[in-house]
């Protein structure tokens, strides 16, 4: 089956490098932020992280994408948190509710229960940062 221009893979030859990528500007603007919780600031793996992308109408969330990192073997999308934000304004209360929703039903292992609180806080802070972006 032939691929469209948007689905084609490119293989670089020896001595070739990608020097740039042009992305068309979409009609919708997404505000994004990442918040990582670390034990130390420099050269340390995050204990938990949250990446947030928000499509806003003023300060009201039209659509959200939230992904947790370092809390599961793979990046973990949090659709419950996304739904908790929909049609709500960006403020500390809404962000806290989304943080709670992100970890609702979490099943931590015996040695990483502390990550539930870290993930909750990371989601809240990433949402607030994206709202300010």
N, C-alpha and C. Protein backbone atom coordinates (compact mmCIF):
# COMPACT_ATOMS: atom_id res chain seq x y z
N UNK A 1 0.85 -1.18 0.00
CA UNK A 1 0.00 0.00 0.00
C UNK A 1 0.89 1.24 0.00
N UNK A 2 0.70 2.17 -0.91
CA UNK A 2 1.57 3.35 -0.96
C UNK A 2 1.30 4.27 0.23
N UNK A 3 2.35 4.92 0.68
CA UNK A 3 2.25 5.85 1.80
C UNK A 3 2.08 7.27 1.28
N UNK A 4 1.38 8.07 2.06
CA UNK A 4 1.26 9.48 1.71
C UNK A 4 2.55 10.18 2.11
N UNK A 5 2.70 11.40 1.68
CA UNK A 5 3.90 12.18 2.01
C UNK A 5 4.08 12.29 3.53
N UNK A 6 2.98 12.35 4.28
CA UNK A 6 3.05 12.49 5.73
C UNK A 6 3.41 11.20 6.44
N UNK A 7 3.32 10.07 5.78
CA UNK A 7 3.58 8.78 6.42
C UNK A 7 4.90 8.16 5.99
N UNK A 8 5.60 8.78 5.10
CA UNK A 8 6.82 8.20 4.56
C UNK A 8 7.95 8.27 5.59
N UNK A 9 8.77 7.23 5.60
CA UNK A 9 9.95 7.21 6.45
C UNK A 9 11.15 7.63 5.61
N UNK A 10 12.07 8.31 6.23
CA UNK A 10 13.26 8.75 5.53
C UNK A 10 14.48 8.08 6.14
N UNK A 11 15.36 7.63 5.30
CA UNK A 11 16.59 7.03 5.76
C UNK A 11 17.73 7.94 5.34
N UNK A 12 18.49 8.38 6.33
CA UNK A 12 19.60 9.27 6.03
C UNK A 12 20.80 8.45 5.54
N UNK A 13 21.47 8.99 4.57
CA UNK A 13 22.68 8.36 4.07
C UNK A 13 23.85 8.78 4.96
N UNK A 14 24.98 8.12 4.76
CA UNK A 14 26.19 8.49 5.51
C UNK A 14 26.48 9.97 5.29
N UNK A 15 26.88 10.64 6.33
CA UNK A 15 27.24 12.07 6.30
C UNK A 15 26.06 13.00 6.11
N UNK A 16 24.82 12.52 6.26
CA UNK A 16 23.64 13.39 6.21
C UNK A 16 23.12 13.59 7.62
N UNK A 17 22.62 14.79 7.90
CA UNK A 17 22.01 15.09 9.19
C UNK A 17 20.74 15.90 8.96
N UNK A 18 19.83 15.82 9.89
CA UNK A 18 18.63 16.64 9.85
C UNK A 18 18.98 17.98 10.49
N UNK A 19 18.78 19.05 9.76
CA UNK A 19 19.12 20.37 10.27
C UNK A 19 17.92 21.18 10.71
N UNK A 20 16.73 20.67 10.43
CA UNK A 20 15.55 21.39 10.86
C UNK A 20 14.30 20.64 10.47
N UNK A 21 13.21 20.98 11.12
CA UNK A 21 11.92 20.39 10.82
C UNK A 21 10.92 21.54 10.75
N UNK A 22 10.17 21.61 9.68
CA UNK A 22 9.14 22.63 9.52
C UNK A 22 7.79 22.03 9.85
N UNK A 23 7.11 22.65 10.78
CA UNK A 23 5.77 22.20 11.16
C UNK A 23 4.78 23.29 10.81
N UNK A 24 3.68 22.94 10.17
CA UNK A 24 2.70 23.98 9.84
C UNK A 24 2.05 24.50 11.12
N UNK A 25 1.82 25.79 11.16
CA UNK A 25 1.15 26.38 12.31
C UNK A 25 -0.33 26.01 12.24
N UNK A 26 -0.80 25.40 13.32
CA UNK A 26 -2.19 25.01 13.38
C UNK A 26 -3.06 26.17 13.83
N UNK A 27 -4.34 26.03 13.62
CA UNK A 27 -5.28 27.06 14.04
C UNK A 27 -5.39 27.10 15.56
N UNK A 28 -5.19 25.94 16.20
CA UNK A 28 -5.29 25.86 17.64
C UNK A 28 -3.91 25.94 18.27
N UNK A 29 -3.84 26.62 19.38
CA UNK A 29 -2.58 26.74 20.10
C UNK A 29 -2.69 25.92 21.38
N UNK A 30 -1.69 25.07 21.57
CA UNK A 30 -1.62 24.26 22.79
C UNK A 30 -0.57 24.87 23.69
N UNK A 31 -0.91 25.02 24.95
CA UNK A 31 0.05 25.46 25.96
C UNK A 31 0.58 24.21 26.64
N UNK A 32 1.88 24.15 26.81
CA UNK A 32 2.49 22.94 27.34
C UNK A 32 3.43 23.25 28.50
N UNK A 33 3.62 22.24 29.35
CA UNK A 33 4.58 22.35 30.45
C UNK A 33 4.93 20.94 30.92
N UNK A 34 6.12 20.83 31.46
CA UNK A 34 6.58 19.59 32.08
C UNK A 34 7.06 19.94 33.48
N UNK A 35 6.68 19.12 34.44
CA UNK A 35 7.16 19.31 35.81
C UNK A 35 7.76 18.00 36.28
N UNK A 36 9.01 18.06 36.73
CA UNK A 36 9.72 16.87 37.21
C UNK A 36 10.05 17.03 38.69
N UNK A 37 9.85 15.97 39.45
CA UNK A 37 10.22 15.95 40.86
C UNK A 37 11.52 15.16 40.96
N UNK A 38 12.55 15.80 41.50
CA UNK A 38 13.86 15.18 41.63
C UNK A 38 14.33 15.27 43.07
N UNK A 39 15.17 14.32 43.46
CA UNK A 39 15.77 14.38 44.79
C UNK A 39 16.80 15.49 44.85
N UNK A 40 17.62 15.59 43.81
CA UNK A 40 18.60 16.67 43.67
C UNK A 40 18.36 17.36 42.34
N UNK A 41 18.81 18.57 42.21
CA UNK A 41 18.54 19.34 41.00
C UNK A 41 19.34 18.88 39.79
N UNK A 42 20.63 18.64 39.95
CA UNK A 42 21.48 18.39 38.80
C UNK A 42 21.76 16.90 38.61
N UNK A 43 21.74 16.47 37.37
CA UNK A 43 22.16 15.13 36.98
C UNK A 43 21.52 14.02 37.79
N UNK A 44 20.23 14.12 38.01
CA UNK A 44 19.52 13.10 38.77
C UNK A 44 18.27 12.71 37.99
N UNK A 45 17.94 11.43 38.01
CA UNK A 45 16.72 10.98 37.36
C UNK A 45 15.51 11.51 38.12
N UNK A 46 14.46 11.89 37.41
CA UNK A 46 13.24 12.31 38.11
C UNK A 46 12.62 11.13 38.86
N UNK A 47 12.03 11.43 40.00
CA UNK A 47 11.27 10.42 40.75
C UNK A 47 9.86 10.30 40.18
N UNK A 48 9.35 11.40 39.66
CA UNK A 48 8.04 11.44 39.01
C UNK A 48 8.02 12.67 38.12
N UNK A 49 7.20 12.62 37.08
CA UNK A 49 7.09 13.75 36.17
C UNK A 49 5.69 13.79 35.58
N UNK A 50 5.30 14.97 35.13
CA UNK A 50 4.02 15.13 34.43
C UNK A 50 4.26 16.06 33.24
N UNK A 51 3.75 15.66 32.09
CA UNK A 51 3.76 16.50 30.89
C UNK A 51 2.31 16.84 30.58
N UNK A 52 2.06 18.12 30.36
CA UNK A 52 0.69 18.60 30.17
C UNK A 52 0.62 19.44 28.89
N UNK A 53 -0.41 19.22 28.10
CA UNK A 53 -0.71 20.05 26.94
C UNK A 53 -2.17 20.47 27.07
N UNK A 54 -2.40 21.76 27.00
CA UNK A 54 -3.75 22.30 27.17
C UNK A 54 -4.15 23.14 25.97
N UNK A 55 -5.34 22.93 25.49
CA UNK A 55 -5.93 23.82 24.48
C UNK A 55 -6.97 24.64 25.22
N UNK A 56 -6.76 25.93 25.24
CA UNK A 56 -7.59 26.81 26.07
C UNK A 56 -8.50 27.70 25.24
N UNK A 57 -9.59 28.11 25.88
CA UNK A 57 -10.46 29.15 25.39
C UNK A 57 -10.44 30.20 26.49
N UNK A 58 -9.57 31.18 26.35
CA UNK A 58 -9.30 32.11 27.47
C UNK A 58 -8.53 31.35 28.52
N UNK A 59 -9.09 31.23 29.71
CA UNK A 59 -8.47 30.43 30.78
C UNK A 59 -9.25 29.15 31.04
N UNK A 60 -10.19 28.82 30.16
CA UNK A 60 -10.97 27.60 30.30
C UNK A 60 -10.41 26.52 29.40
N UNK A 61 -10.26 25.32 29.93
CA UNK A 61 -9.68 24.20 29.18
C UNK A 61 -10.70 23.66 28.19
N UNK A 62 -10.33 23.66 26.92
CA UNK A 62 -11.16 23.02 25.88
C UNK A 62 -10.78 21.56 25.74
N UNK A 63 -9.47 21.29 25.85
CA UNK A 63 -8.97 19.92 25.68
C UNK A 63 -7.65 19.81 26.42
N UNK A 64 -7.36 18.64 26.96
CA UNK A 64 -6.12 18.43 27.72
C UNK A 64 -5.52 17.09 27.41
N UNK A 65 -4.20 17.03 27.49
CA UNK A 65 -3.46 15.78 27.42
C UNK A 65 -2.49 15.78 28.59
N UNK A 66 -2.50 14.72 29.38
CA UNK A 66 -1.64 14.61 30.56
C UNK A 66 -0.97 13.24 30.54
N UNK A 67 0.33 13.23 30.68
CA UNK A 67 1.09 11.99 30.70
C UNK A 67 2.03 12.03 31.90
N UNK A 68 2.03 10.91 32.66
CA UNK A 68 2.92 10.78 33.81
C UNK A 68 4.16 10.02 33.39
N UNK A 69 5.27 10.41 33.95
CA UNK A 69 6.52 9.72 33.67
C UNK A 69 7.18 9.27 34.96
N UNK A 70 7.95 8.20 34.88
CA UNK A 70 8.74 7.67 36.00
C UNK A 70 7.88 7.09 37.12
N UNK A 71 6.63 6.75 36.79
CA UNK A 71 5.76 6.13 37.78
C UNK A 71 5.28 4.75 37.33
N UNK A 72 5.66 4.37 36.13
CA UNK A 72 5.28 3.08 35.55
C UNK A 72 6.39 2.69 34.59
N UNK A 73 6.38 1.46 34.11
CA UNK A 73 7.43 1.05 33.17
C UNK A 73 7.41 1.83 31.86
N UNK A 74 6.28 2.45 31.54
CA UNK A 74 6.14 3.23 30.32
C UNK A 74 5.49 4.56 30.69
N UNK A 75 5.57 5.58 29.81
CA UNK A 75 4.81 6.81 30.08
C UNK A 75 3.33 6.46 30.22
N UNK A 76 2.67 7.07 31.20
CA UNK A 76 1.32 6.69 31.57
C UNK A 76 0.36 7.85 31.35
N UNK A 77 -0.52 7.69 30.36
CA UNK A 77 -1.49 8.75 30.10
C UNK A 77 -2.55 8.74 31.19
N UNK A 78 -3.04 9.92 31.55
CA UNK A 78 -4.01 10.08 32.64
C UNK A 78 -5.31 10.66 32.10
N UNK A 79 -6.15 9.85 31.43
CA UNK A 79 -7.39 10.39 30.87
C UNK A 79 -8.36 10.90 31.92
N UNK A 80 -8.33 10.33 33.13
CA UNK A 80 -9.22 10.83 34.19
C UNK A 80 -8.88 12.27 34.55
N UNK A 81 -7.60 12.59 34.57
CA UNK A 81 -7.17 13.96 34.85
C UNK A 81 -7.56 14.88 33.70
N UNK A 82 -7.43 14.39 32.47
CA UNK A 82 -7.82 15.20 31.31
C UNK A 82 -9.29 15.56 31.38
N UNK A 83 -10.12 14.58 31.73
CA UNK A 83 -11.57 14.83 31.85
C UNK A 83 -11.88 15.77 33.00
N UNK A 84 -11.11 15.68 34.08
CA UNK A 84 -11.34 16.56 35.23
C UNK A 84 -11.07 18.03 34.88
N UNK A 85 -10.23 18.27 33.89
CA UNK A 85 -9.91 19.64 33.48
C UNK A 85 -10.90 20.21 32.47
N UNK A 86 -11.50 19.36 31.67
CA UNK A 86 -12.34 19.82 30.56
C UNK A 86 -13.42 20.77 31.03
N UNK A 87 -13.51 21.90 30.33
CA UNK A 87 -14.52 22.93 30.57
C UNK A 87 -14.36 23.64 31.92
N UNK A 88 -13.20 23.52 32.54
CA UNK A 88 -12.94 24.19 33.80
C UNK A 88 -11.82 25.22 33.64
N UNK A 89 -11.83 26.25 34.47
CA UNK A 89 -10.75 27.24 34.40
C UNK A 89 -9.47 26.69 35.01
N UNK A 90 -8.35 27.25 34.59
CA UNK A 90 -7.06 26.87 35.16
C UNK A 90 -6.87 27.67 36.45
N UNK A 91 -6.91 26.96 37.57
CA UNK A 91 -6.62 27.56 38.86
C UNK A 91 -6.12 26.46 39.79
N UNK A 92 -5.71 26.83 40.99
CA UNK A 92 -5.12 25.86 41.91
C UNK A 92 -6.10 24.74 42.28
N UNK A 93 -7.37 25.08 42.46
CA UNK A 93 -8.36 24.08 42.84
C UNK A 93 -8.58 23.06 41.72
N UNK A 94 -8.75 23.54 40.50
CA UNK A 94 -8.95 22.64 39.36
C UNK A 94 -7.72 21.78 39.13
N UNK A 95 -6.53 22.38 39.25
CA UNK A 95 -5.29 21.63 39.05
C UNK A 95 -5.13 20.55 40.11
N UNK A 96 -5.50 20.86 41.35
CA UNK A 96 -5.42 19.86 42.43
C UNK A 96 -6.39 18.71 42.18
N UNK A 97 -7.59 19.02 41.70
CA UNK A 97 -8.56 17.96 41.39
C UNK A 97 -8.06 17.07 40.26
N UNK A 98 -7.42 17.67 39.27
CA UNK A 98 -6.86 16.88 38.18
C UNK A 98 -5.72 16.01 38.68
N UNK A 99 -4.92 16.54 39.60
CA UNK A 99 -3.84 15.74 40.20
C UNK A 99 -4.40 14.53 40.94
N UNK A 100 -5.48 14.73 41.67
CA UNK A 100 -6.14 13.61 42.36
C UNK A 100 -6.66 12.59 41.35
N UNK A 101 -7.28 13.08 40.29
CA UNK A 101 -7.84 12.18 39.28
C UNK A 101 -6.73 11.40 38.58
N UNK A 102 -5.57 12.01 38.40
CA UNK A 102 -4.46 11.34 37.71
C UNK A 102 -3.98 10.10 38.45
N UNK A 103 -4.08 10.11 39.77
CA UNK A 103 -3.58 8.98 40.57
C UNK A 103 -4.70 8.11 41.13
N UNK A 104 -5.94 8.46 40.81
CA UNK A 104 -7.07 7.66 41.29
C UNK A 104 -6.92 6.22 40.78
N UNK A 105 -7.00 5.28 41.67
CA UNK A 105 -6.89 3.88 41.30
C UNK A 105 -5.47 3.40 41.09
N UNK A 106 -4.49 4.21 41.48
CA UNK A 106 -3.08 3.80 41.32
C UNK A 106 -2.80 2.57 42.17
N UNK A 107 -1.96 1.70 41.66
CA UNK A 107 -1.58 0.47 42.37
C UNK A 107 -0.06 0.45 42.54
N UNK A 108 0.46 1.23 43.48
CA UNK A 108 1.91 1.27 43.63
C UNK A 108 2.45 -0.04 44.21
N UNK A 109 3.71 -0.30 43.92
CA UNK A 109 4.39 -1.44 44.51
C UNK A 109 4.80 -1.08 45.93
N UNK A 110 5.23 -2.04 46.71
CA UNK A 110 5.52 -1.79 48.12
C UNK A 110 6.63 -0.76 48.32
N UNK A 111 7.57 -0.67 47.41
CA UNK A 111 8.69 0.25 47.58
C UNK A 111 8.53 1.60 46.91
N UNK A 112 7.40 1.85 46.24
CA UNK A 112 7.27 3.15 45.57
C UNK A 112 5.93 3.84 45.81
N UNK A 113 5.33 3.59 46.95
CA UNK A 113 4.05 4.24 47.28
C UNK A 113 4.17 5.76 47.33
N UNK A 114 5.36 6.24 47.67
CA UNK A 114 5.59 7.68 47.75
C UNK A 114 5.38 8.37 46.40
N UNK A 115 5.49 7.63 45.30
CA UNK A 115 5.36 8.23 43.97
C UNK A 115 3.95 8.70 43.67
N UNK A 116 2.96 8.17 44.37
CA UNK A 116 1.58 8.61 44.16
C UNK A 116 1.46 10.09 44.52
N UNK A 117 1.99 10.49 45.67
CA UNK A 117 1.94 11.89 46.07
C UNK A 117 2.79 12.75 45.13
N UNK A 118 3.95 12.25 44.73
CA UNK A 118 4.81 13.02 43.83
C UNK A 118 4.12 13.24 42.48
N UNK A 119 3.46 12.23 41.96
CA UNK A 119 2.74 12.35 40.69
C UNK A 119 1.59 13.34 40.81
N UNK A 120 0.88 13.27 41.91
CA UNK A 120 -0.25 14.19 42.16
C UNK A 120 0.24 15.64 42.10
N UNK A 121 1.34 15.91 42.77
CA UNK A 121 1.91 17.27 42.81
C UNK A 121 2.46 17.68 41.45
N UNK A 122 3.12 16.75 40.76
CA UNK A 122 3.69 17.06 39.44
C UNK A 122 2.59 17.45 38.46
N UNK A 123 1.47 16.74 38.49
CA UNK A 123 0.35 17.08 37.60
C UNK A 123 -0.18 18.48 37.92
N UNK A 124 -0.41 18.75 39.18
CA UNK A 124 -0.92 20.06 39.58
C UNK A 124 0.00 21.18 39.13
N UNK A 125 1.29 21.02 39.38
CA UNK A 125 2.25 22.09 39.04
C UNK A 125 2.45 22.23 37.54
N UNK A 126 2.39 21.14 36.80
CA UNK A 126 2.51 21.23 35.34
C UNK A 126 1.30 21.94 34.74
N UNK A 127 0.12 21.66 35.27
CA UNK A 127 -1.08 22.33 34.78
C UNK A 127 -0.99 23.84 35.03
N UNK A 128 -0.61 24.21 36.23
CA UNK A 128 -0.50 25.63 36.55
C UNK A 128 0.57 26.32 35.71
N UNK A 129 1.67 25.63 35.45
CA UNK A 129 2.73 26.20 34.61
C UNK A 129 2.25 26.36 33.15
N UNK A 130 1.53 25.37 32.64
CA UNK A 130 1.00 25.46 31.28
C UNK A 130 -0.02 26.60 31.17
N UNK A 131 -0.79 26.80 32.20
CA UNK A 131 -1.77 27.88 32.21
C UNK A 131 -1.13 29.25 32.18
N UNK A 132 0.10 29.36 32.70
CA UNK A 132 0.82 30.63 32.69
C UNK A 132 1.62 30.83 31.41
N UNK A 133 1.85 29.75 30.66
CA UNK A 133 2.72 29.83 29.47
C UNK A 133 2.12 30.72 28.40
